[in-house]
Amino acid sequence: MQFGTILIIFALVATLFSGWQYFSLIQLANPRKNGKPKQPVNNPQSYKLARSGFYAMAALVSAASILLMYLLLSHQFQVEYVYRYSSRSLPLGYLVSTFWAGQEGSFLLWALLIALMGLIFTKTARQFEAVAMLVVNVVQGFFLLILIKASPFALLPQTPADGAGLNPLLQDPWMVIHPPMLFIGYAAVTFPFALAVAALARRAYKEFIA
């Protein structure tokens, strides 16, 4: 098993830990009889553990992303993903864009963006944090499971002298910036969705809008 895949596995473990801690904070009871939303559990230690798990996951996913970028820039063609989408003749800009040229790299970019945005979200979700971050962890866990199954760090039996190169259709300046912008949007959608689920779970409709 490759080091990059091990990072992803540990990231999944951290996500599961964070999700479990947030789950422990959720009060499943109905709203109070006066119609006001039930207040979140005040357990600083559990919140600290939950956030720490998420921070650890973000660090591990960031490390895996940096590792993949290093493998691409240093032409490590023994890695199947590097071989399939890069070559020694590619200019630096296109070489960087090979990170998201394939499905595996795109999923890693997506997971990285969710992790980084989640770092901010934990500070701004307020009373919705427990339920909303549980949803975020579930979504992130899904992507990490995919990355374990379809790892961008898989090795070839032999090391080729050069890579297959980037698809000529993708060798366009706009294709360097378009996919990252698209995936920023994809990742960002996770958080209003998580807030909406949290508002429904707590029946705090007015607070969600505010």
N, C-alpha and C. Protein backbone atom coordinates (compact mmCIF):
# COMPACT_ATOMS: atom_id res chain seq x y z
N MET A 1 0.84 -1.20 0.00
CA MET A 1 0.00 0.00 0.00
C MET A 1 0.88 1.25 0.00
N GLN A 2 0.52 2.21 -0.86
CA GLN A 2 1.34 3.40 -1.02
C GLN A 2 1.05 4.43 0.06
N PHE A 3 2.04 5.29 0.29
CA PHE A 3 1.94 6.28 1.36
C PHE A 3 0.75 7.21 1.16
N GLY A 4 0.51 7.61 -0.09
CA GLY A 4 -0.63 8.48 -0.37
C GLY A 4 -1.95 7.84 0.00
N THR A 5 -2.09 6.56 -0.30
CA THR A 5 -3.31 5.84 0.06
C THR A 5 -3.45 5.72 1.57
N ILE A 6 -2.33 5.52 2.26
CA ILE A 6 -2.36 5.46 3.73
C ILE A 6 -2.85 6.79 4.30
N LEU A 7 -2.41 7.90 3.71
CA LEU A 7 -2.89 9.21 4.15
C LEU A 7 -4.40 9.32 4.01
N ILE A 8 -4.91 8.83 2.88
CA ILE A 8 -6.36 8.89 2.64
C ILE A 8 -7.10 8.02 3.64
N ILE A 9 -6.56 6.85 3.94
CA ILE A 9 -7.20 5.96 4.92
C ILE A 9 -7.26 6.62 6.29
N PHE A 10 -6.15 7.22 6.71
CA PHE A 10 -6.15 7.92 8.00
C PHE A 10 -7.10 9.11 7.98
N ALA A 11 -7.21 9.77 6.83
CA ALA A 11 -8.16 10.87 6.71
C ALA A 11 -9.59 10.38 6.89
N LEU A 12 -9.88 9.20 6.33
CA LEU A 12 -11.21 8.61 6.52
C LEU A 12 -11.47 8.30 7.98
N VAL A 13 -10.47 7.75 8.66
CA VAL A 13 -10.61 7.45 10.09
C VAL A 13 -10.89 8.74 10.87
N ALA A 14 -10.16 9.81 10.54
CA ALA A 14 -10.36 11.10 11.22
C ALA A 14 -11.75 11.65 10.95
N THR A 15 -12.23 11.47 9.72
CA THR A 15 -13.58 11.92 9.37
C THR A 15 -14.63 11.16 10.15
N LEU A 16 -14.46 9.84 10.25
CA LEU A 16 -15.40 9.02 11.01
C LEU A 16 -15.40 9.42 12.49
N PHE A 17 -14.21 9.68 13.02
CA PHE A 17 -14.11 10.11 14.41
C PHE A 17 -14.82 11.44 14.63
N SER A 18 -14.56 12.40 13.73
CA SER A 18 -15.21 13.70 13.84
C SER A 18 -16.72 13.57 13.72
N GLY A 19 -17.16 12.78 12.75
CA GLY A 19 -18.59 12.58 12.57
C GLY A 19 -19.25 11.96 13.78
N TRP A 20 -18.58 10.99 14.39
CA TRP A 20 -19.13 10.34 15.58
C TRP A 20 -19.23 11.32 16.75
N GLN A 21 -18.23 12.16 16.91
CA GLN A 21 -18.27 13.14 17.98
C GLN A 21 -19.39 14.15 17.77
N TYR A 22 -19.58 14.57 16.52
CA TYR A 22 -20.69 15.48 16.24
C TYR A 22 -22.03 14.78 16.45
N PHE A 23 -22.10 13.51 16.07
CA PHE A 23 -23.34 12.75 16.27
C PHE A 23 -23.69 12.67 17.75
N SER A 24 -22.67 12.54 18.59
CA SER A 24 -22.92 12.45 20.03
C SER A 24 -23.46 13.75 20.60
N LEU A 25 -23.27 14.85 19.87
CA LEU A 25 -23.74 16.15 20.34
C LEU A 25 -25.18 16.46 19.92
N ILE A 26 -25.70 15.66 18.99
CA ILE A 26 -27.02 15.96 18.43
C ILE A 26 -28.11 15.52 19.39
N GLN A 27 -29.03 16.39 19.68
CA GLN A 27 -30.20 16.04 20.48
C GLN A 27 -31.32 15.67 19.52
N LEU A 28 -31.79 14.45 19.64
CA LEU A 28 -32.79 13.94 18.71
C LEU A 28 -34.22 14.26 19.16
N ALA A 29 -34.38 14.89 20.33
CA ALA A 29 -35.72 15.19 20.83
C ALA A 29 -36.40 16.23 19.95
N ASN A 30 -37.73 16.27 20.03
CA ASN A 30 -38.51 17.27 19.31
C ASN A 30 -38.30 18.64 19.92
N PRO A 31 -38.63 19.71 19.18
CA PRO A 31 -38.51 21.04 19.75
C PRO A 31 -39.36 21.20 21.00
N ARG A 32 -39.06 22.19 21.79
CA ARG A 32 -39.79 22.43 23.02
C ARG A 32 -41.25 22.74 22.72
N LYS A 33 -42.09 22.60 23.72
CA LYS A 33 -43.51 22.80 23.52
C LYS A 33 -43.85 24.23 23.14
N ASN A 34 -43.00 25.17 23.52
CA ASN A 34 -43.29 26.56 23.18
C ASN A 34 -42.93 26.89 21.73
N GLY A 35 -42.46 25.89 21.00
CA GLY A 35 -42.19 26.07 19.58
C GLY A 35 -40.81 26.56 19.27
N LYS A 36 -40.04 26.91 20.28
CA LYS A 36 -38.68 27.38 20.05
C LYS A 36 -37.75 26.20 19.78
N PRO A 37 -36.77 26.40 18.90
CA PRO A 37 -35.85 25.30 18.61
C PRO A 37 -35.07 24.90 19.86
N LYS A 38 -34.79 23.63 19.97
CA LYS A 38 -34.00 23.13 21.09
C LYS A 38 -32.56 23.61 20.94
N GLN A 39 -31.97 24.04 22.01
CA GLN A 39 -30.61 24.56 21.96
C GLN A 39 -29.61 23.41 21.81
N PRO A 40 -28.49 23.65 21.12
CA PRO A 40 -27.47 22.61 20.97
C PRO A 40 -26.86 22.23 22.32
N VAL A 41 -26.35 21.02 22.38
CA VAL A 41 -25.71 20.55 23.61
C VAL A 41 -24.47 21.39 23.89
N ASN A 42 -24.33 21.81 25.13
CA ASN A 42 -23.16 22.61 25.52
C ASN A 42 -22.11 21.68 26.11
N ASN A 43 -21.28 21.12 25.24
CA ASN A 43 -20.24 20.18 25.67
C ASN A 43 -18.94 20.57 24.98
N PRO A 44 -18.20 21.52 25.55
CA PRO A 44 -16.99 22.02 24.90
C PRO A 44 -15.98 20.92 24.56
N GLN A 45 -15.86 19.91 25.41
CA GLN A 45 -14.88 18.86 25.16
C GLN A 45 -15.22 18.07 23.91
N SER A 46 -16.51 17.73 23.74
CA SER A 46 -16.93 16.99 22.54
C SER A 46 -16.76 17.83 21.29
N TYR A 47 -17.08 19.12 21.39
CA TYR A 47 -16.88 20.00 20.24
C TYR A 47 -15.39 20.08 19.88
N LYS A 48 -14.55 20.16 20.89
CA LYS A 48 -13.10 20.22 20.65
C LYS A 48 -12.61 18.95 19.96
N LEU A 49 -13.09 17.79 20.42
CA LEU A 49 -12.69 16.52 19.81
C LEU A 49 -13.20 16.43 18.37
N ALA A 50 -14.45 16.85 18.16
CA ALA A 50 -15.03 16.78 16.82
C ALA A 50 -14.26 17.66 15.84
N ARG A 51 -13.97 18.87 16.28
CA ARG A 51 -13.22 19.78 15.41
C ARG A 51 -11.80 19.28 15.18
N SER A 52 -11.19 18.73 16.21
CA SER A 52 -9.83 18.21 16.06
C SER A 52 -9.79 17.09 15.03
N GLY A 53 -10.79 16.22 15.04
CA GLY A 53 -10.86 15.16 14.05
C GLY A 53 -10.98 15.72 12.65
N PHE A 54 -11.80 16.76 12.49
CA PHE A 54 -11.95 17.37 11.17
C PHE A 54 -10.67 18.06 10.74
N TYR A 55 -10.01 18.75 11.67
CA TYR A 55 -8.74 19.42 11.35
C TYR A 55 -7.69 18.39 10.93
N ALA A 56 -7.66 17.25 11.61
CA ALA A 56 -6.71 16.20 11.26
C ALA A 56 -7.00 15.67 9.86
N MET A 57 -8.28 15.48 9.55
CA MET A 57 -8.65 15.03 8.21
C MET A 57 -8.19 16.03 7.16
N ALA A 58 -8.42 17.33 7.42
CA ALA A 58 -8.03 18.36 6.47
C ALA A 58 -6.51 18.35 6.25
N ALA A 59 -5.76 18.16 7.32
CA ALA A 59 -4.30 18.11 7.20
C ALA A 59 -3.85 16.90 6.38
N LEU A 60 -4.49 15.76 6.60
CA LEU A 60 -4.12 14.54 5.88
C LEU A 60 -4.48 14.63 4.41
N VAL A 61 -5.65 15.18 4.10
CA VAL A 61 -6.04 15.35 2.69
C VAL A 61 -5.13 16.36 2.01
N SER A 62 -4.75 17.41 2.72
CA SER A 62 -3.81 18.39 2.17
C SER A 62 -2.46 17.74 1.89
N ALA A 63 -2.00 16.90 2.81
CA ALA A 63 -0.73 16.20 2.62
C ALA A 63 -0.79 15.27 1.42
N ALA A 64 -1.91 14.56 1.25
CA ALA A 64 -2.07 13.68 0.09
C ALA A 64 -2.08 14.48 -1.20
N SER A 65 -2.70 15.65 -1.19
CA SER A 65 -2.74 16.50 -2.38
C SER A 65 -1.35 17.03 -2.73
N ILE A 66 -0.62 17.46 -1.72
CA ILE A 66 0.75 17.93 -1.94
C ILE A 66 1.62 16.79 -2.49
N LEU A 67 1.42 15.60 -1.96
CA LEU A 67 2.18 14.45 -2.43
C LEU A 67 1.89 14.16 -3.90
N LEU A 68 0.61 14.18 -4.28
CA LEU A 68 0.27 13.92 -5.68
C LEU A 68 0.87 14.99 -6.59
N MET A 69 0.81 16.24 -6.17
CA MET A 69 1.40 17.30 -6.98
C MET A 69 2.91 17.10 -7.11
N TYR A 70 3.57 16.71 -6.05
CA TYR A 70 5.01 16.43 -6.11
C TYR A 70 5.30 15.30 -7.09
N LEU A 71 4.51 14.24 -7.05
CA LEU A 71 4.71 13.11 -7.95
C LEU A 71 4.55 13.53 -9.41
N LEU A 72 3.61 14.43 -9.66
CA LEU A 72 3.40 14.92 -11.03
C LEU A 72 4.54 15.81 -11.48
N LEU A 73 4.95 16.73 -10.64
CA LEU A 73 5.99 17.69 -11.02
C LEU A 73 7.36 17.03 -11.14
N SER A 74 7.58 15.95 -10.42
CA SER A 74 8.88 15.26 -10.45
C SER A 74 8.87 14.06 -11.40
N HIS A 75 7.81 13.91 -12.18
CA HIS A 75 7.72 12.87 -13.22
C HIS A 75 7.92 11.47 -12.66
N GLN A 76 7.18 11.14 -11.63
CA GLN A 76 7.26 9.80 -11.03
C GLN A 76 6.33 8.85 -11.80
N PHE A 77 6.80 8.40 -12.96
CA PHE A 77 5.94 7.65 -13.87
C PHE A 77 5.63 6.24 -13.40
N GLN A 78 6.23 5.81 -12.31
CA GLN A 78 5.84 4.52 -11.75
C GLN A 78 4.43 4.58 -11.15
N VAL A 79 3.95 5.81 -10.90
CA VAL A 79 2.58 6.00 -10.43
C VAL A 79 1.66 6.05 -11.65
N GLU A 80 0.67 5.20 -11.67
CA GLU A 80 -0.19 5.07 -12.86
C GLU A 80 -0.84 6.39 -13.24
N TYR A 81 -1.32 7.14 -12.27
CA TYR A 81 -1.99 8.41 -12.56
C TYR A 81 -1.03 9.39 -13.22
N VAL A 82 0.19 9.46 -12.72
CA VAL A 82 1.21 10.34 -13.29
C VAL A 82 1.51 9.92 -14.73
N TYR A 83 1.64 8.63 -14.96
CA TYR A 83 1.92 8.13 -16.31
C TYR A 83 0.79 8.46 -17.28
N ARG A 84 -0.44 8.28 -16.86
CA ARG A 84 -1.58 8.43 -17.77
C ARG A 84 -1.82 9.87 -18.20
N TYR A 85 -1.49 10.84 -17.36
CA TYR A 85 -1.92 12.22 -17.64
C TYR A 85 -0.78 13.23 -17.79
N SER A 86 0.47 12.82 -17.61
CA SER A 86 1.56 13.79 -17.73
C SER A 86 2.68 13.23 -18.59
N SER A 87 3.60 14.11 -18.93
CA SER A 87 4.80 13.71 -19.68
C SER A 87 5.88 14.74 -19.43
N ARG A 88 7.09 14.41 -19.80
CA ARG A 88 8.23 15.30 -19.56
C ARG A 88 8.15 16.56 -20.42
N SER A 89 7.45 16.51 -21.54
CA SER A 89 7.41 17.64 -22.47
C SER A 89 6.36 18.68 -22.12
N LEU A 90 5.51 18.41 -21.15
CA LEU A 90 4.45 19.35 -20.81
C LEU A 90 5.02 20.60 -20.14
N PRO A 91 4.54 21.80 -20.55
CA PRO A 91 4.91 23.02 -19.81
C PRO A 91 4.39 22.95 -18.38
N LEU A 92 4.98 23.77 -17.52
CA LEU A 92 4.66 23.71 -16.10
C LEU A 92 3.17 23.91 -15.82
N GLY A 93 2.56 24.89 -16.51
CA GLY A 93 1.14 25.17 -16.27
C GLY A 93 0.26 23.97 -16.56
N TYR A 94 0.49 23.32 -17.68
CA TYR A 94 -0.28 22.13 -18.03
C TYR A 94 0.08 20.96 -17.12
N LEU A 95 1.32 20.91 -16.68
CA LEU A 95 1.73 19.84 -15.78
C LEU A 95 0.98 19.95 -14.45
N VAL A 96 0.82 21.17 -13.97
CA VAL A 96 0.04 21.39 -12.75
C VAL A 96 -1.41 20.96 -12.97
N SER A 97 -1.95 21.27 -14.15
CA SER A 97 -3.35 20.96 -14.43
C SER A 97 -3.62 19.46 -14.55
N THR A 98 -2.56 18.66 -14.70
CA THR A 98 -2.78 17.21 -14.74
C THR A 98 -3.28 16.67 -13.40
N PHE A 99 -3.14 17.47 -12.34
CA PHE A 99 -3.67 17.07 -11.03
C PHE A 99 -5.15 16.73 -11.13
N TRP A 100 -5.90 17.52 -11.89
CA TRP A 100 -7.35 17.29 -12.02
C TRP A 100 -7.74 16.80 -13.41
N ALA A 101 -6.77 16.30 -14.17
CA ALA A 101 -7.07 15.81 -15.52
C ALA A 101 -7.83 14.50 -15.50
N GLY A 102 -7.62 13.68 -14.48
CA GLY A 102 -8.29 12.39 -14.38
C GLY A 102 -9.31 12.37 -13.25
N GLN A 103 -10.12 11.34 -13.25
CA GLN A 103 -11.19 11.24 -12.26
C GLN A 103 -10.65 11.17 -10.83
N GLU A 104 -9.59 10.39 -10.63
CA GLU A 104 -9.04 10.23 -9.28
C GLU A 104 -8.52 11.56 -8.73
N GLY A 105 -7.79 12.29 -9.56
CA GLY A 105 -7.28 13.59 -9.13
C GLY A 105 -8.39 14.60 -8.90
N SER A 106 -9.44 14.53 -9.73
CA SER A 106 -10.58 15.43 -9.55
C SER A 106 -11.27 15.18 -8.23
N PHE A 107 -11.44 13.91 -7.87
CA PHE A 107 -12.06 13.60 -6.58
C PHE A 107 -11.19 14.06 -5.41
N LEU A 108 -9.88 13.94 -5.57
CA LEU A 108 -8.98 14.41 -4.51
C LEU A 108 -9.07 15.93 -4.37
N LEU A 109 -9.13 16.63 -5.50
CA LEU A 109 -9.29 18.09 -5.46
C LEU A 109 -10.61 18.46 -4.78
N TRP A 110 -11.67 17.74 -5.11
CA TRP A 110 -12.99 17.98 -4.52
C TRP A 110 -12.92 17.79 -3.00
N ALA A 111 -12.31 16.69 -2.58
CA ALA A 111 -12.18 16.42 -1.14
C ALA A 111 -11.33 17.48 -0.45
N LEU A 112 -10.27 17.93 -1.12
CA LEU A 112 -9.41 18.97 -0.55
C LEU A 112 -10.19 20.27 -0.34
N LEU A 113 -10.99 20.64 -1.33
CA LEU A 113 -11.75 21.88 -1.23
C LEU A 113 -12.80 21.81 -0.12
N ILE A 114 -13.46 20.66 0.01
CA ILE A 114 -14.42 20.49 1.11
C ILE A 114 -13.71 20.61 2.45
N ALA A 115 -12.54 20.00 2.55
CA ALA A 115 -11.78 20.05 3.81
C ALA A 115 -11.39 21.49 4.16
N LEU A 116 -10.89 22.23 3.18
CA LEU A 116 -10.45 23.60 3.45
C LEU A 116 -11.62 24.52 3.77
N MET A 117 -12.71 24.38 3.02
CA MET A 117 -13.89 25.19 3.31
C MET A 117 -14.49 24.81 4.66
N GLY A 118 -14.39 23.54 5.01
CA GLY A 118 -14.91 23.09 6.29
C GLY A 118 -14.19 23.71 7.47
N LEU A 119 -12.92 24.04 7.30
CA LEU A 119 -12.17 24.70 8.38
C LEU A 119 -12.81 26.04 8.74
N ILE A 120 -13.28 26.75 7.72
CA ILE A 120 -13.97 28.02 7.96
C ILE A 120 -15.37 27.77 8.48
N PHE A 121 -16.01 26.76 7.94
CA PHE A 121 -17.41 26.47 8.30
C PHE A 121 -17.56 26.12 9.77
N THR A 122 -16.58 25.44 10.34
CA THR A 122 -16.66 25.10 11.76
C THR A 122 -16.70 26.35 12.65
N LYS A 123 -16.19 27.46 12.14
CA LYS A 123 -16.16 28.71 12.92
C LYS A 123 -17.42 29.53 12.72
N THR A 124 -18.21 29.23 11.68
CA THR A 124 -19.34 30.08 11.33
C THR A 124 -20.69 29.39 11.43
N ALA A 125 -20.72 28.08 11.64
CA ALA A 125 -22.00 27.36 11.65
C ALA A 125 -22.82 27.61 12.91
N ARG A 126 -22.19 28.10 13.95
CA ARG A 126 -22.87 28.46 15.21
C ARG A 126 -23.70 27.30 15.76
N GLN A 127 -24.99 27.56 16.06
CA GLN A 127 -25.80 26.53 16.72
C GLN A 127 -26.11 25.34 15.81
N PHE A 128 -25.82 25.48 14.52
CA PHE A 128 -26.07 24.40 13.57
C PHE A 128 -24.86 23.49 13.39
N GLU A 129 -23.78 23.78 14.10
CA GLU A 129 -22.51 23.10 13.82
C GLU A 129 -22.61 21.58 13.93
N ALA A 130 -23.22 21.07 14.99
CA ALA A 130 -23.21 19.62 15.22
C ALA A 130 -23.84 18.86 14.06
N VAL A 131 -25.07 19.22 13.69
CA VAL A 131 -25.76 18.51 12.61
C VAL A 131 -25.11 18.81 11.27
N ALA A 132 -24.80 20.09 11.02
CA ALA A 132 -24.24 20.46 9.72
C ALA A 132 -22.89 19.80 9.49
N MET A 133 -22.03 19.77 10.50
CA MET A 133 -20.73 19.16 10.32
C MET A 133 -20.81 17.64 10.25
N LEU A 134 -21.84 17.06 10.86
CA LEU A 134 -22.06 15.63 10.66
C LEU A 134 -22.34 15.35 9.19
N VAL A 135 -23.17 16.18 8.57
CA VAL A 135 -23.48 16.03 7.14
C VAL A 135 -22.21 16.20 6.31
N VAL A 136 -21.42 17.22 6.63
CA VAL A 136 -20.17 17.45 5.88
C VAL A 136 -19.24 16.25 6.01
N ASN A 137 -19.14 15.69 7.19
CA ASN A 137 -18.28 14.52 7.39
C ASN A 137 -18.79 13.31 6.61
N VAL A 138 -20.10 13.15 6.53
CA VAL A 138 -20.65 12.04 5.74
C VAL A 138 -20.29 12.21 4.27
N VAL A 139 -20.46 13.43 3.76
CA VAL A 139 -20.11 13.71 2.36
C VAL A 139 -18.62 13.48 2.12
N GLN A 140 -17.80 13.99 3.02
CA GLN A 140 -16.35 13.83 2.88
C GLN A 140 -15.96 12.36 2.97
N GLY A 141 -16.59 11.63 3.86
CA GLY A 141 -16.30 10.20 3.97
C GLY A 141 -16.59 9.46 2.68
N PHE A 142 -17.65 9.87 1.99
CA PHE A 142 -18.00 9.26 0.70
C PHE A 142 -16.87 9.46 -0.31
N PHE A 143 -16.34 10.67 -0.39
CA PHE A 143 -15.25 10.94 -1.33
C PHE A 143 -13.98 10.19 -0.95
N LEU A 144 -13.71 10.11 0.33
CA LEU A 144 -12.50 9.40 0.77
C LEU A 144 -12.60 7.91 0.49
N LEU A 145 -13.79 7.34 0.62
CA LEU A 145 -13.98 5.93 0.26
C LEU A 145 -13.71 5.71 -1.22
N ILE A 146 -14.18 6.63 -2.06
CA ILE A 146 -13.92 6.54 -3.50
C ILE A 146 -12.42 6.59 -3.77
N LEU A 147 -11.72 7.49 -3.07
CA LEU A 147 -10.28 7.65 -3.29
C LEU A 147 -9.48 6.45 -2.81
N ILE A 148 -10.01 5.73 -1.82
CA ILE A 148 -9.34 4.50 -1.39
C ILE A 148 -9.54 3.41 -2.44
N LYS A 149 -10.74 3.35 -3.00
CA LYS A 149 -11.04 2.34 -4.01
C LYS A 149 -10.34 2.65 -5.34
N ALA A 150 -10.41 3.91 -5.76
CA ALA A 150 -9.78 4.34 -7.01
C ALA A 150 -8.67 5.33 -6.66
N SER A 151 -7.56 4.81 -6.20
CA SER A 151 -6.49 5.65 -5.66
C SER A 151 -5.66 6.29 -6.78
N PRO A 152 -5.36 7.58 -6.67
CA PRO A 152 -4.44 8.21 -7.62
C PRO A 152 -2.98 7.85 -7.36
N PHE A 153 -2.73 7.03 -6.35
CA PHE A 153 -1.36 6.67 -5.98
C PHE A 153 -1.01 5.23 -6.37
N ALA A 154 -1.86 4.57 -7.13
CA ALA A 154 -1.60 3.19 -7.54
C ALA A 154 -0.35 3.13 -8.43
N LEU A 155 0.43 2.06 -8.28
CA LEU A 155 1.69 1.91 -9.01
C LEU A 155 1.52 0.99 -10.21
N LEU A 156 2.37 1.22 -11.22
CA LEU A 156 2.46 0.34 -12.37
C LEU A 156 3.45 -0.79 -12.08
N PRO A 157 3.34 -1.92 -12.77
CA PRO A 157 4.30 -3.01 -12.56
C PRO A 157 5.73 -2.62 -12.91
N GLN A 158 5.88 -1.76 -13.94
CA GLN A 158 7.19 -1.29 -14.36
C GLN A 158 7.16 0.23 -14.51
N THR A 159 8.32 0.85 -14.44
CA THR A 159 8.40 2.31 -14.55
C THR A 159 8.68 2.71 -16.00
N PRO A 160 7.74 3.38 -16.68
CA PRO A 160 7.98 3.83 -18.06
C PRO A 160 8.99 4.98 -18.09
N ALA A 161 9.61 5.16 -19.25
CA ALA A 161 10.58 6.24 -19.40
C ALA A 161 9.90 7.60 -19.48
N ASP A 162 8.66 7.62 -19.98
CA ASP A 162 7.91 8.87 -20.11
C ASP A 162 6.43 8.57 -19.95
N GLY A 163 5.66 9.63 -19.75
CA GLY A 163 4.23 9.46 -19.57
C GLY A 163 3.47 9.52 -20.87
N ALA A 164 2.20 9.15 -20.81
CA ALA A 164 1.35 9.17 -22.01
C ALA A 164 1.00 10.59 -22.42
N GLY A 165 1.06 11.52 -21.49
CA GLY A 165 0.81 12.92 -21.81
C GLY A 165 -0.63 13.33 -21.60
N LEU A 166 -0.84 14.64 -21.55
CA LEU A 166 -2.16 15.20 -21.35
C LEU A 166 -2.94 15.20 -22.65
N ASN A 167 -4.22 14.89 -22.56
CA ASN A 167 -5.10 14.93 -23.73
C ASN A 167 -4.96 16.28 -24.43
N PRO A 168 -4.70 16.29 -25.76
CA PRO A 168 -4.53 17.57 -26.47
C PRO A 168 -5.73 18.50 -26.31
N LEU A 169 -6.93 17.94 -26.16
CA LEU A 169 -8.12 18.77 -25.99
C LEU A 169 -8.08 19.55 -24.68
N LEU A 170 -7.31 19.07 -23.72
CA LEU A 170 -7.20 19.74 -22.42
C LEU A 170 -6.03 20.71 -22.36
N GLN A 171 -5.23 20.75 -23.41
CA GLN A 171 -4.07 21.65 -23.42
C GLN A 171 -4.48 23.02 -23.94
N ASP A 172 -5.23 23.69 -23.09
CA ASP A 172 -5.74 25.03 -23.39
C ASP A 172 -5.69 25.84 -22.09
N PRO A 173 -5.29 27.10 -22.16
CA PRO A 173 -5.18 27.89 -20.92
C PRO A 173 -6.46 27.91 -20.10
N TRP A 174 -7.61 27.92 -20.76
CA TRP A 174 -8.87 27.94 -20.03
C TRP A 174 -9.11 26.64 -19.28
N MET A 175 -8.60 25.55 -19.82
CA MET A 175 -8.77 24.26 -19.15
C MET A 175 -7.89 24.15 -17.91
N VAL A 176 -6.93 25.06 -17.77
CA VAL A 176 -6.10 25.07 -16.57
C VAL A 176 -6.89 25.64 -15.39
N ILE A 177 -7.71 26.67 -15.66
CA ILE A 177 -8.43 27.34 -14.57
C ILE A 177 -9.89 26.92 -14.45
N HIS A 178 -10.47 26.42 -15.55
CA HIS A 178 -11.90 26.09 -15.52
C HIS A 178 -12.26 24.99 -14.53
N PRO A 179 -11.59 23.82 -14.56
CA PRO A 179 -11.96 22.76 -13.62
C PRO A 179 -11.84 23.15 -12.14
N PRO A 180 -10.76 23.83 -11.71
CA PRO A 180 -10.71 24.21 -10.30
C PRO A 180 -11.86 25.13 -9.90
N MET A 181 -12.22 26.08 -10.77
CA MET A 181 -13.34 26.96 -10.45
C MET A 181 -14.64 26.17 -10.35
N LEU A 182 -14.79 25.19 -11.23
CA LEU A 182 -15.99 24.35 -11.21
C LEU A 182 -16.06 23.55 -9.92
N PHE A 183 -14.95 22.99 -9.51
CA PHE A 183 -14.94 22.16 -8.29
C PHE A 183 -15.06 23.01 -7.03
N ILE A 184 -14.63 24.25 -7.08
CA ILE A 184 -14.89 25.15 -5.95
C ILE A 184 -16.39 25.31 -5.75
N GLY A 185 -17.12 25.46 -6.87
CA GLY A 185 -18.57 25.54 -6.79
C GLY A 185 -19.19 24.26 -6.28
N TYR A 186 -18.72 23.13 -6.79
CA TYR A 186 -19.25 21.83 -6.34
C TYR A 186 -19.06 21.67 -4.83
N ALA A 187 -17.85 21.97 -4.38
CA ALA A 187 -17.54 21.80 -2.95
C ALA A 187 -18.35 22.76 -2.09
N ALA A 188 -18.52 23.99 -2.57
CA ALA A 188 -19.23 25.00 -1.79
C ALA A 188 -20.69 24.64 -1.57
N VAL A 189 -21.30 23.93 -2.52
CA VAL A 189 -22.71 23.54 -2.40
C VAL A 189 -22.93 22.65 -1.17
N THR A 190 -21.90 21.95 -0.75
CA THR A 190 -22.02 21.05 0.41
C THR A 190 -22.50 21.79 1.65
N PHE A 191 -22.09 23.03 1.82
CA PHE A 191 -22.30 23.71 3.10
C PHE A 191 -23.69 24.31 3.26
N PRO A 192 -24.27 24.97 2.25
CA PRO A 192 -25.68 25.34 2.40
C PRO A 192 -26.59 24.12 2.52
N PHE A 193 -26.23 23.04 1.84
CA PHE A 193 -27.00 21.80 1.98
C PHE A 193 -26.93 21.30 3.42
N ALA A 194 -25.73 21.31 4.00
CA ALA A 194 -25.56 20.86 5.38
C ALA A 194 -26.34 21.74 6.35
N LEU A 195 -26.33 23.05 6.11
CA LEU A 195 -27.10 23.97 6.96
C LEU A 195 -28.59 23.73 6.83
N ALA A 196 -29.05 23.46 5.61
CA ALA A 196 -30.47 23.18 5.40
C ALA A 196 -30.90 21.92 6.14
N VAL A 197 -30.08 20.88 6.08
CA VAL A 197 -30.38 19.64 6.81
C VAL A 197 -30.41 19.92 8.31
N ALA A 198 -29.45 20.72 8.79
CA ALA A 198 -29.40 21.04 10.22
C ALA A 198 -30.64 21.82 10.66
N ALA A 199 -31.08 22.76 9.83
CA ALA A 199 -32.27 23.54 10.16
C ALA A 199 -33.51 22.66 10.19
N LEU A 200 -33.61 21.73 9.25
CA LEU A 200 -34.75 20.81 9.24
C LEU A 200 -34.72 19.90 10.46
N ALA A 201 -33.53 19.42 10.81
CA ALA A 201 -33.41 18.51 11.95
C ALA A 201 -33.78 19.20 13.26
N ARG A 202 -33.44 20.47 13.38
CA ARG A 202 -33.71 21.21 14.61
C ARG A 202 -35.00 22.03 14.53
N ARG A 203 -35.63 22.03 13.35
CA ARG A 203 -36.84 22.82 13.12
C ARG A 203 -36.60 24.30 13.45
N ALA A 204 -35.45 24.74 13.08
CA ALA A 204 -35.05 26.14 13.34
C ALA A 204 -35.06 26.90 12.02
N TYR A 205 -36.24 27.05 11.44
CA TYR A 205 -36.34 27.59 10.09
C TYR A 205 -35.97 29.07 10.03
N LYS A 206 -36.41 29.86 11.00
CA LYS A 206 -36.10 31.29 10.98
C LYS A 206 -34.63 31.54 11.26
N GLU A 207 -34.07 30.77 12.19
CA GLU A 207 -32.65 30.94 12.50
C GLU A 207 -31.77 30.59 11.31
N PHE A 208 -32.21 29.59 10.52
CA PHE A 208 -31.44 29.20 9.34
C PHE A 208 -31.39 30.33 8.33
N ILE A 209 -32.54 30.97 8.10
CA ILE A 209 -32.59 32.08 7.15
C ILE A 209 -31.74 33.25 7.63
N ALA A 210 -31.76 33.49 8.93
CA ALA A 210 -30.99 34.59 9.49
C ALA A 210 -29.50 34.32 9.39
